[in-house]
C-alpha atoms as a PDB file:
ATOM      1  CA  UNK A   1      -0.038   0.012   0.094  1.00  0.00           C
ATOM      2  CA  UNK A   2       1.395   3.254  -1.027  1.00  0.00           C
ATOM      3  CA  UNK A   3       2.473   5.681   1.976  1.00  0.00           C
ATOM      4  CA  UNK A   4      -0.206   8.751   2.589  1.00  0.00           C
ATOM      5  CA  UNK A   5       2.447  11.338   3.311  1.00  0.00           C
ATOM      6  CA  UNK A   6       5.598  11.843   1.663  1.00  0.00           C
ATOM      7  CA  UNK A   7       8.048  14.172   3.879  1.00  0.00           C
ATOM      8  CA  UNK A   8      11.105  15.962   2.972  1.00  0.00           C
ATOM      9  CA  UNK A   9      13.028  17.385   5.972  1.00  0.00           C
ATOM     10  CA  UNK A  10      15.709  19.850   5.588  1.00  0.00           C
ATOM     11  CA  UNK A  11      17.836  18.255   8.080  1.00  0.00           C
ATOM     12  CA  UNK A  12      18.285  14.928  10.389  1.00  0.00           C
ATOM     13  CA  UNK A  13      17.114  16.273  13.458  1.00  0.00           C
ATOM     14  CA  UNK A  14      13.936  18.009  11.995  1.00  0.00           C
ATOM     15  CA  UNK A  15      13.519  14.467  10.166  1.00  0.00           C
ATOM     16  CA  UNK A  16      13.700  12.687  13.439  1.00  0.00           C
ATOM     17  CA  UNK A  17      11.248  15.236  15.000  1.00  0.00           C
ATOM     18  CA  UNK A  18       8.731  15.260  12.622  1.00  0.00           C
ATOM     19  CA  UNK A  19       8.827  11.111  12.716  1.00  0.00           C
ATOM     20  CA  UNK A  20       8.180  10.982  16.023  1.00  0.00           C
ATOM     21  CA  UNK A  21       5.262  13.233  15.718  1.00  0.00           C
ATOM     22  CA  UNK A  22       3.642  11.157  13.071  1.00  0.00           C
ATOM     23  CA  UNK A  23       4.107   8.194  15.117  1.00  0.00           C
ATOM     24  CA  UNK A  24       2.914   9.509  18.125  1.00  0.00           C
ATOM     25  CA  UNK A  25      -0.412  10.658  16.005  1.00  0.00           C
ATOM     26  CA  UNK A  26      -0.711   6.809  14.874  1.00  0.00           C
ATOM     27  CA  UNK A  27       1.270   6.984  11.642  1.00  0.00           C
ATOM     28  CA  UNK A  28       3.741   4.348  10.918  1.00  0.00           C
ATOM     29  CA  UNK A  29       6.705   6.242   9.818  1.00  0.00           C
ATOM     30  CA  UNK A  30      10.040   5.003   8.383  1.00  0.00           C
ATOM     31  CA  UNK A  31      13.091   7.901   8.313  1.00  0.00           C
ATOM     32  CA  UNK A  32      15.486   7.430   5.334  1.00  0.00           C
ATOM     33  CA  UNK A  33      18.662   9.306   5.468  1.00  0.00           C
ATOM     34  CA  UNK A  34      19.292  10.959   2.253  1.00  0.00           C
ATOM     35  CA  UNK A  35      17.614  10.428  -1.020  1.00  0.00           C
ATOM     36  CA  UNK A  36      17.194   6.514  -1.364  1.00  0.00           C
ATOM     37  CA  UNK A  37      18.533   4.219  -3.629  1.00  0.00           C
ATOM     38  CA  UNK A  38      15.916   1.386  -3.313  1.00  0.00           C
ATOM     39  CA  UNK A  39      12.287   0.962  -3.478  1.00  0.00           C
ATOM     40  CA  UNK A  40      10.013   2.658  -0.590  1.00  0.00           C
ATOM     41  CA  UNK A  41       8.821   0.760   2.197  1.00  0.00           C
ATOM     42  CA  UNK A  42       5.796  -1.063   2.032  1.00  0.00           C
ATOM     43  CA  UNK A  43       4.091  -1.159   5.167  1.00  0.00           C
ATOM     44  CA  UNK A  44       4.572   3.097   5.955  1.00  0.00           C
ATOM     45  CA  UNK A  45       1.914   5.254   6.346  1.00  0.00           C
ATOM     46  CA  UNK A  46       4.705   7.963   6.490  1.00  0.00           C
ATOM     47  CA  UNK A  47       8.119   8.510   4.537  1.00  0.00           C
ATOM     48  CA  UNK A  48      10.574  10.996   5.833  1.00  0.00           C
ATOM     49  CA  UNK A  49      13.520  11.736   3.727  1.00  0.00           C
ATOM     50  CA  UNK A  50      16.581  13.645   5.837  1.00  0.00           C
ATOM     51  CA  UNK A  51      18.533  16.034   3.862  1.00  0.00           C
ATOM     52  CA  UNK A  52      21.294  18.414   4.827  1.00  0.00           C
ATOM     53  CA  UNK A  53      19.905  21.469   2.564  1.00  0.00           C
ATOM     54  CA  UNK A  54      19.241  23.646   5.631  1.00  0.00           C
ATOM     55  CA  UNK A  55      22.601  25.247   5.647  1.00  0.00           C
ATOM     56  CA  UNK A  56      23.681  24.358   2.041  1.00  0.00           C
ATOM     57  CA  UNK A  57      23.750  26.669  -0.857  1.00  0.00           C
ATOM     58  CA  UNK A  58      20.500  27.190  -2.722  1.00  0.00           C
ATOM     59  CA  UNK A  59      21.238  25.377  -5.977  1.00  0.00           C
ATOM     60  CA  UNK A  60      22.183  22.183  -3.694  1.00  0.00           C
ATOM     61  CA  UNK A  61      18.972  22.376  -1.812  1.00  0.00           C
ATOM     62  CA  UNK A  62      16.947  22.611  -4.553  1.00  0.00           C
ATOM     63  CA  UNK A  63      18.641  19.678  -6.403  1.00  0.00           C
ATOM     64  CA  UNK A  64      18.305  17.180  -3.323  1.00  0.00           C
ATOM     65  CA  UNK A  65      15.002  18.070  -2.465  1.00  0.00           C
ATOM     66  CA  UNK A  66      13.613  17.793  -6.221  1.00  0.00           C
ATOM     67  CA  UNK A  67      15.495  14.643  -6.401  1.00  0.00           C
ATOM     68  CA  UNK A  68      13.665  13.511  -2.963  1.00  0.00           C
ATOM     69  CA  UNK A  69      10.410  14.479  -4.572  1.00  0.00           C
ATOM     70  CA  UNK A  70      10.574  12.732  -7.046  1.00  0.00           C
ATOM     71  CA  UNK A  71      11.871   9.396  -5.290  1.00  0.00           C
ATOM     72  CA  UNK A  72       8.788  10.043  -3.013  1.00  0.00           C
ATOM     73  CA  UNK A  73       6.155  10.815  -5.814  1.00  0.00           C
ATOM     74  CA  UNK A  74       7.395   7.056  -7.477  1.00  0.00           C
ATOM     75  CA  UNK A  75       5.778   5.678  -3.929  1.00  0.00           C
ATOM     76  CA  UNK A  76       2.234   6.923  -5.002  1.00  0.00           C
ATOM     77  CA  UNK A  77       2.146   9.293  -1.935  1.00  0.00           C
ATOM     78  CA  UNK A  78      -1.161  11.051  -1.512  1.00  0.00           C
ATOM     79  CA  UNK A  79       0.268  14.193  -0.027  1.00  0.00           C
ATOM     80  CA  UNK A  80       3.649  15.575   0.273  1.00  0.00           C
ATOM     81  CA  UNK A  81       5.123  17.866   3.104  1.00  0.00           C
ATOM     82  CA  UNK A  82       8.211  19.782   3.104  1.00  0.00           C
ATOM     83  CA  UNK A  83       9.377  20.320   6.804  1.00  0.00           C
ATOM     84  CA  UNK A  84      11.759  23.086   8.136  1.00  0.00           C
ATOM     85  CA  UNK A  85      12.321  24.474  11.750  1.00  0.00           C
ATOM     86  CA  UNK A  86       9.494  26.043  13.644  1.00  0.00           C
ATOM     87  CA  UNK A  87      11.964  28.651  13.992  1.00  0.00           C
ATOM     88  CA  UNK A  88      11.952  29.549  10.560  1.00  0.00           C
ATOM     89  CA  UNK A  89      15.911  29.071  10.252  1.00  0.00           C
ATOM     90  CA  UNK A  90      16.757  30.784   6.959  1.00  0.00           C
ATOM     91  CA  UNK A  91      18.754  33.508   5.076  1.00  0.00           C
ATOM     92  CA  UNK A  92      17.192  36.561   2.784  1.00  0.00           C
ATOM     93  CA  UNK A  93      18.255  34.011  -0.171  1.00  0.00           C
ATOM     94  CA  UNK A  94      16.760  30.705   1.012  1.00  0.00           C
ATOM     95  CA  UNK A  95      16.480  27.858   1.493  1.00  0.00           C
ATOM     96  CA  UNK A  96      12.677  27.621   2.798  1.00  0.00           C
ATOM     97  CA  UNK A  97      11.144  29.713  -0.419  1.00  0.00           C
ATOM     98  CA  UNK A  98      13.595  28.630  -3.285  1.00  0.00           C
ATOM     99  CA  UNK A  99      12.808  25.032  -1.966  1.00  0.00           C
ATOM    100  CA  UNK A 100       9.248  25.505  -1.649  1.00  0.00           C
ATOM    101  CA  UNK A 101       8.841  26.876  -4.748  1.00  0.00           C
ATOM    102  CA  UNK A 102      10.963  24.106  -6.578  1.00  0.00           C
ATOM    103  CA  UNK A 103       8.823  21.599  -5.105  1.00  0.00           C
ATOM    104  CA  UNK A 104       5.502  23.193  -6.374  1.00  0.00           C
ATOM    105  CA  UNK A 105       7.247  23.231 -10.100  1.00  0.00           C
ATOM    106  CA  UNK A 106       8.098  19.562  -9.660  1.00  0.00           C
ATOM    107  CA  UNK A 107       4.430  18.787  -8.502  1.00  0.00           C
ATOM    108  CA  UNK A 108       2.551  21.065 -10.931  1.00  0.00           C
ATOM    109  CA  UNK A 109       0.723  23.216  -8.292  1.00  0.00           C
ATOM    110  CA  UNK A 110       0.307  26.848  -7.884  1.00  0.00           C
ATOM    111  CA  UNK A 111      -0.328  26.991  -4.202  1.00  0.00           C
ATOM    112  CA  UNK A 112       1.033  25.641  -0.740  1.00  0.00           C
ATOM    113  CA  UNK A 113       1.071  27.071   3.034  1.00  0.00           C
ATOM    114  CA  UNK A 114       4.003  27.925   4.888  1.00  0.00           C
ATOM    115  CA  UNK A 115       2.768  27.357   8.962  1.00  0.00           C
ATOM    116  CA  UNK A 116       5.826  27.064  10.879  1.00  0.00           C
ATOM    117  CA  UNK A 117       3.894  27.100  14.257  1.00  0.00           C
ATOM    118  CA  UNK A 118       4.594  24.767  17.081  1.00  0.00           C
ATOM    119  CA  UNK A 119       2.436  25.837  20.049  1.00  0.00           C
ATOM    120  CA  UNK A 120       3.646  22.620  22.208  1.00  0.00           C
ATOM    121  CA  UNK A 121       7.110  24.173  21.804  1.00  0.00           C
ATOM    122  CA  UNK A 122       5.796  27.768  22.418  1.00  0.00           C
ATOM    123  CA  UNK A 123       6.310  28.740  18.667  1.00  0.00           C
ATOM    124  CA  UNK A 124       3.174  30.486  17.323  1.00  0.00           C
ATOM    125  CA  UNK A 125       2.363  32.605  14.725  1.00  0.00           C
ATOM    126  CA  UNK A 126       0.297  35.708  14.913  1.00  0.00           C
ATOM    127  CA  UNK A 127      -0.668  38.531  12.461  1.00  0.00           C
ATOM    128  CA  UNK A 128       2.149  37.030  10.182  1.00  0.00           C
ATOM    129  CA  UNK A 129       4.752  37.147  13.234  1.00  0.00           C
ATOM    130  CA  UNK A 130       6.510  34.491  14.642  1.00  0.00           C
ATOM    131  CA  UNK A 131       7.071  34.394  18.203  1.00  0.00           C
ATOM    132  CA  UNK A 132       9.281  32.367  20.674  1.00  0.00           C
ATOM    133  CA  UNK A 133       8.307  31.966  23.966  1.00  0.00           C
ATOM    134  CA  UNK A 134       5.868  34.975  23.796  1.00  0.00           C
ATOM    135  CA  UNK A 135       9.137  36.925  22.143  1.00  0.00           C
ATOM    136  CA  UNK A 136       9.359  38.243  18.678  1.00  0.00           C
ATOM    137  CA  UNK A 137      11.672  35.776  16.870  1.00  0.00           C
ATOM    138  CA  UNK A 138      14.094  38.785  16.256  1.00  0.00           C
ATOM    139  CA  UNK A 139      14.507  39.380  20.159  1.00  0.00           C
ATOM    140  CA  UNK A 140      14.869  35.430  20.640  1.00  0.00           C
ATOM    141  CA  UNK A 141      18.159  33.949  21.220  1.00  0.00           C
ATOM    142  CA  UNK A 142      17.755  33.057  17.357  1.00  0.00           C
ATOM    143  CA  UNK A 143      18.914  36.597  16.757  1.00  0.00           C
ATOM    144  CA  UNK A 144      22.434  35.325  17.665  1.00  0.00           C
ATOM    145  CA  UNK A 145      22.061  32.031  15.588  1.00  0.00           C
ATOM    146  CA  UNK A 146      25.800  31.366  14.056  1.00  0.00           C
ATOM    147  CA  UNK A 147      24.969  29.926  10.681  1.00  0.00           C
ATOM    148  CA  UNK A 148      21.128  31.850  10.240  1.00  0.00           C
ATOM    149  CA  UNK A 149      20.675  34.723  12.729  1.00  0.00           C
ATOM    150  CA  UNK A 150      17.111  35.857  12.322  1.00  0.00           C
ATOM    151  CA  UNK A 151      16.665  39.294  12.728  1.00  0.00           C
ATOM    152  CA  UNK A 152      13.038  39.396  11.059  1.00  0.00           C
ATOM    153  CA  UNK A 153       9.753  38.378  12.584  1.00  0.00           C
ATOM    154  CA  UNK A 154       7.805  39.265   9.684  1.00  0.00           C
ATOM    155  CA  UNK A 155       7.360  35.880   7.917  1.00  0.00           C
ATOM    156  CA  UNK A 156       5.526  37.349   4.914  1.00  0.00           C
ATOM    157  CA  UNK A 157       8.414  39.904   4.160  1.00  0.00           C
ATOM    158  CA  UNK A 158      11.041  37.095   4.945  1.00  0.00           C
ATOM    159  CA  UNK A 159       9.420  34.506   2.465  1.00  0.00           C
ATOM    160  CA  UNK A 160       8.583  37.188   0.015  1.00  0.00           C
ATOM    161  CA  UNK A 161      12.544  38.403   0.006  1.00  0.00           C
ATOM    162  CA  UNK A 162      13.395  34.416  -0.887  1.00  0.00           C
ATOM    163  CA  UNK A 163      10.433  33.742  -3.633  1.00  0.00           C
ATOM    164  CA  UNK A 164       9.714  34.631  -6.972  1.00  0.00           C
ATOM    165  CA  UNK A 165       5.977  33.946  -6.477  1.00  0.00           C
ATOM    166  CA  UNK A 166       3.905  35.992  -4.394  1.00  0.00           C
ATOM    167  CA  UNK A 167       3.697  35.175  -0.713  1.00  0.00           C
ATOM    168  CA  UNK A 168       0.741  36.040   1.206  1.00  0.00           C
ATOM    169  CA  UNK A 169      -1.090  35.797   4.692  1.00  0.00           C
ATOM    170  CA  UNK A 170      -3.959  33.877   6.090  1.00  0.00           C
ATOM    171  CA  UNK A 171      -4.377  35.744   9.611  1.00  0.00           C
ATOM    172  CA  UNK A 172      -5.879  34.638  13.051  1.00  0.00           C
ATOM    173  CA  UNK A 173      -9.511  35.928  12.715  1.00  0.00           C
ATOM    174  CA  UNK A 174      -9.887  33.469   9.499  1.00  0.00           C
ATOM    175  CA  UNK A 175      -8.210  30.589  11.109  1.00  0.00           C
ATOM    176  CA  UNK A 176     -10.221  31.038  14.523  1.00  0.00           C
ATOM    177  CA  UNK A 177     -13.290  30.609  12.258  1.00  0.00           C
ATOM    178  CA  UNK A 178     -12.509  27.097  11.174  1.00  0.00           C
ATOM    179  CA  UNK A 179     -11.716  24.895   8.439  1.00  0.00           C
ATOM    180  CA  UNK A 180     -14.528  26.249   6.066  1.00  0.00           C
ATOM    181  CA  UNK A 181     -13.310  30.210   6.564  1.00  0.00           C
ATOM    182  CA  UNK A 182      -9.464  28.717   5.808  1.00  0.00           C
ATOM    183  CA  UNK A 183     -10.737  27.118   2.833  1.00  0.00           C
ATOM    184  CA  UNK A 184     -12.318  30.116   1.390  1.00  0.00           C
ATOM    185  CA  UNK A 185      -9.597  32.144   2.437  1.00  0.00           C
ATOM    186  CA  UNK A 186      -7.216  29.551   0.206  1.00  0.00           C
ATOM    187  CA  UNK A 187      -9.535  30.273  -2.624  1.00  0.00           C
ATOM    188  CA  UNK A 188      -9.338  33.804  -2.671  1.00  0.00           C
ATOM    189  CA  UNK A 189      -5.781  33.948  -2.023  1.00  0.00           C
ATOM    190  CA  UNK A 190      -5.352  31.638  -5.411  1.00  0.00           C
ATOM    191  CA  UNK A 191      -7.984  33.516  -7.176  1.00  0.00           C
ATOM    192  CA  UNK A 192      -5.369  37.078  -6.293  1.00  0.00           C
ATOM    193  CA  UNK A 193      -2.481  35.477  -7.688  1.00  0.00           C
ATOM    194  CA  UNK A 194      -1.100  34.330  -4.300  1.00  0.00           C
ATOM    195  CA  UNK A 195       1.042  31.241  -4.433  1.00  0.00           C
ATOM    196  CA  UNK A 196       2.642  30.694  -0.863  1.00  0.00           C
ATOM    197  CA  UNK A 197       0.502  32.013   2.199  1.00  0.00           C
ATOM    198  CA  UNK A 198       1.926  32.389   5.771  1.00  0.00           C
ATOM    199  CA  UNK A 199      -0.781  30.855   7.685  1.00  0.00           C
ATOM    200  CA  UNK A 200      -1.314  32.060  11.653  1.00  0.00           C
ATOM    201  CA  UNK A 201      -1.775  29.750  14.330  1.00  0.00           C
ATOM    202  CA  UNK A 202      -1.604  29.575  17.997  1.00  0.00           C
ATOM    203  CA  UNK A 203      -2.903  26.329  19.116  1.00  0.00           C
ATOM    204  CA  UNK A 204      -3.013  22.854  18.458  1.00  0.00           C
ATOM    205  CA  UNK A 205      -6.744  23.268  17.335  1.00  0.00           C
ATOM    206  CA  UNK A 206      -5.696  25.752  14.732  1.00  0.00           C
ATOM    207  CA  UNK A 207      -3.087  23.721  13.331  1.00  0.00           C
ATOM    208  CA  UNK A 208      -5.837  20.503  12.876  1.00  0.00           C
ATOM    209  CA  UNK A 209      -8.054  23.075  11.175  1.00  0.00           C
ATOM    210  CA  UNK A 210      -5.517  24.092   9.012  1.00  0.00           C
ATOM    211  CA  UNK A 211      -4.719  20.818   8.095  1.00  0.00           C
ATOM    212  CA  UNK A 212      -8.206  19.818   7.164  1.00  0.00           C
ATOM    213  CA  UNK A 213      -8.907  22.837   5.210  1.00  0.00           C
ATOM    214  CA  UNK A 214      -5.787  22.215   3.317  1.00  0.00           C
ATOM    215  CA  UNK A 215      -6.092  18.605   2.593  1.00  0.00           C
ATOM    216  CA  UNK A 216      -6.315  18.175  -1.102  1.00  0.00           C
ATOM    217  CA  UNK A 217      -3.533  20.579  -1.266  1.00  0.00           C
ATOM    218  CA  UNK A 218      -0.675  18.506  -3.101  1.00  0.00           C
ATOM    219  CA  UNK A 219       1.925  20.009  -1.040  1.00  0.00           C
ATOM    220  CA  UNK A 220       2.195  21.657   2.840  1.00  0.00           C
ATOM    221  CA  UNK A 221       4.940  23.133   4.109  1.00  0.00           C
ATOM    222  CA  UNK A 222       5.949  23.526   8.036  1.00  0.00           C
ATOM    223  CA  UNK A 223       7.270  22.435  11.136  1.00  0.00           C
ATOM    224  CA  UNK A 224       6.273  19.498  12.720  1.00  0.00           C
ATOM    225  CA  UNK A 225       2.937  20.911  14.327  1.00  0.00           C
ATOM    226  CA  UNK A 226       1.033  21.089  11.290  1.00  0.00           C
ATOM    227  CA  UNK A 227       2.176  17.555  10.790  1.00  0.00           C
ATOM    228  CA  UNK A 228       0.098  16.866  13.941  1.00  0.00           C
ATOM    229  CA  UNK A 229      -2.854  18.334  12.369  1.00  0.00           C
ATOM    230  CA  UNK A 230      -2.246  16.170   8.819  1.00  0.00           C
ATOM    231  CA  UNK A 231      -2.385  12.909  10.705  1.00  0.00           C
ATOM    232  CA  UNK A 232      -5.473  14.263  12.415  1.00  0.00           C
ATOM    233  CA  UNK A 233      -6.867  14.612   8.928  1.00  0.00           C
ATOM    234  CA  UNK A 234      -6.179  11.138   7.753  1.00  0.00           C
ATOM    235  CA  UNK A 235      -7.759  10.061  11.006  1.00  0.00           C
ATOM    236  CA  UNK A 236     -11.305  12.063  10.344  1.00  0.00           C
ATOM    237  CA  UNK A 237     -11.019  10.983   6.736  1.00  0.00           C
ATOM    238  CA  UNK A 238     -10.903   7.053   7.855  1.00  0.00           C
ATOM    239  CA  UNK A 239      -7.522   6.552   6.471  1.00  0.00           C
ATOM    240  CA  UNK A 240      -5.754   5.859   9.607  1.00  0.00           C
ATOM    241  CA  UNK A 241      -6.960   4.165  12.904  1.00  0.00           C
ATOM    242  CA  UNK A 242      -8.074   5.893  15.917  1.00  0.00           C
ATOM    243  CA  UNK A 243      -4.890   8.306  16.205  1.00  0.00           C
ATOM    244  CA  UNK A 244      -3.611   6.487  18.908  1.00  0.00           C
ATOM    245  CA  UNK A 245       0.130   5.447  18.925  1.00  0.00           C
ATOM    246  CA  UNK A 246       0.918   2.358  16.772  1.00  0.00           C
ATOM    247  CA  UNK A 247       3.200   0.883  19.571  1.00  0.00           C
ATOM    248  CA  UNK A 248       4.469   1.873  22.763  1.00  0.00           C
ATOM    249  CA  UNK A 249       8.300   2.982  22.759  1.00  0.00           C
ATOM    250  CA  UNK A 250      10.715   0.090  23.680  1.00  0.00           C
ATOM    251  CA  UNK A 251      11.943  -0.195  26.787  1.00  0.00           C
ATOM    252  CA  UNK A 252      16.052   0.495  26.772  1.00  0.00           C
ATOM    253  CA  UNK A 253      17.925  -1.497  29.270  1.00  0.00           C
ATOM    254  CA  UNK A 254      21.487  -0.840  30.595  1.00  0.00           C
ATOM    255  CA  UNK A 255      23.731   2.313  30.186  1.00  0.00           C
ATOM    256  CA  UNK A 256      22.948   5.197  28.050  1.00  0.00           C
ATOM    257  CA  UNK A 257      24.450   8.462  26.539  1.00  0.00           C
ATOM    258  CA  UNK A 258      22.425  11.720  25.734  1.00  0.00           C
ATOM    259  CA  UNK A 259      24.374  13.558  22.831  1.00  0.00           C
ATOM    260  CA  UNK A 260      23.683  17.442  22.217  1.00  0.00           C
ATOM    261  CA  UNK A 261      24.853  19.078  18.935  1.00  0.00           C
ATOM    262  CA  UNK A 262      22.742  22.010  19.174  1.00  0.00           C
ATOM    263  CA  UNK A 263      23.777  25.778  20.325  1.00  0.00           C
ATOM    264  CA  UNK A 264      20.186  26.876  21.225  1.00  0.00           C
ATOM    265  CA  UNK A 265      19.295  28.724  24.468  1.00  0.00           C
ATOM    266  CA  UNK A 266      17.121  25.604  25.409  1.00  0.00           C
ATOM    267  CA  UNK A 267      19.672  22.994  24.763  1.00  0.00           C
ATOM    268  CA  UNK A 268      22.521  25.224  26.894  1.00  0.00           C
ATOM    269  CA  UNK A 269      19.932  25.049  29.618  1.00  0.00           C
ATOM    270  CA  UNK A 270      19.589  21.390  29.406  1.00  0.00           C
ATOM    271  CA  UNK A 271      23.042  20.487  29.119  1.00  0.00           C
ATOM    272  CA  UNK A 272      23.551  22.591  32.332  1.00  0.00           C
ATOM    273  CA  UNK A 273      20.713  20.866  34.117  1.00  0.00           C
ATOM    274  CA  UNK A 274      22.580  17.219  32.957  1.00  0.00           C
ATOM    275  CA  UNK A 275      26.061  18.675  33.767  1.00  0.00           C
ATOM    276  CA  UNK A 276      24.805  19.114  37.569  1.00  0.00           C
ATOM    277  CA  UNK A 277      23.593  15.577  37.784  1.00  0.00           C
ATOM    278  CA  UNK A 278      25.406  13.117  35.044  1.00  0.00           C
ATOM    279  CA  UNK A 279      28.936  12.930  34.048  1.00  0.00           C
ATOM    280  CA  UNK A 280      29.686  15.085  31.231  1.00  0.00           C
ATOM    281  CA  UNK A 281      32.242  15.202  28.343  1.00  0.00           C
ATOM    282  CA  UNK A 282      32.781  17.760  26.037  1.00  0.00           C
ATOM    283  CA  UNK A 283      33.766  17.187  22.279  1.00  0.00           C
END
């Protein structure tokens, strides 16, 4: 049976985050490291291809993402998903916008949404502005990111600088009104020539309504939060079970190690907590 969802993640951490999210919503999920050289899994509801494209050159990011999309398309996925970080890590040149446009071209679609909101991790979008822990993105620790310093919280402006196509906004009053209103806004945006729309979201309910409204779009883009809504939509359509986890996480016995490679403020707090309680070693 063909997978319901084919996903492209711009780094390995994001791929595993997305896969974990989908599994917890009842989707049997396989992660492939890089563009696979084999046929797709026969028993997966979702397949995630993990790339290293977030900080690559624009040309490399596009090439690897399109190659992954062609592989996923050959598996006959019902819908496709481009996953990036909930802090919209990118530069004025990309890679989120150029990759999204390349994937749209590959699928022959004239519209998609961009929804990086992840309320469970305190990432929300309101009036097109991205907030991190109730702080504007540009005022958060992301302004000091060593590779992609984020100095603009306005996602419409940020994405438009990366795109050739017109970028618009589906604001919170529409999202709050539910899936029918969101679908109406999508149709209106398309009629006005908008090709990519930032969509506000401040809660898990918002993400479910957005995903349900956009169930017929070939391509969705966002962080792992929107993927929860996508999985929920498959459940509502009777394509999955109850939405409960397929199987419990396996019990791991014996010694274990926690490895961290992030420079984020949250990770640094976690490392400091561990250093007070566990033996640590810096590489």
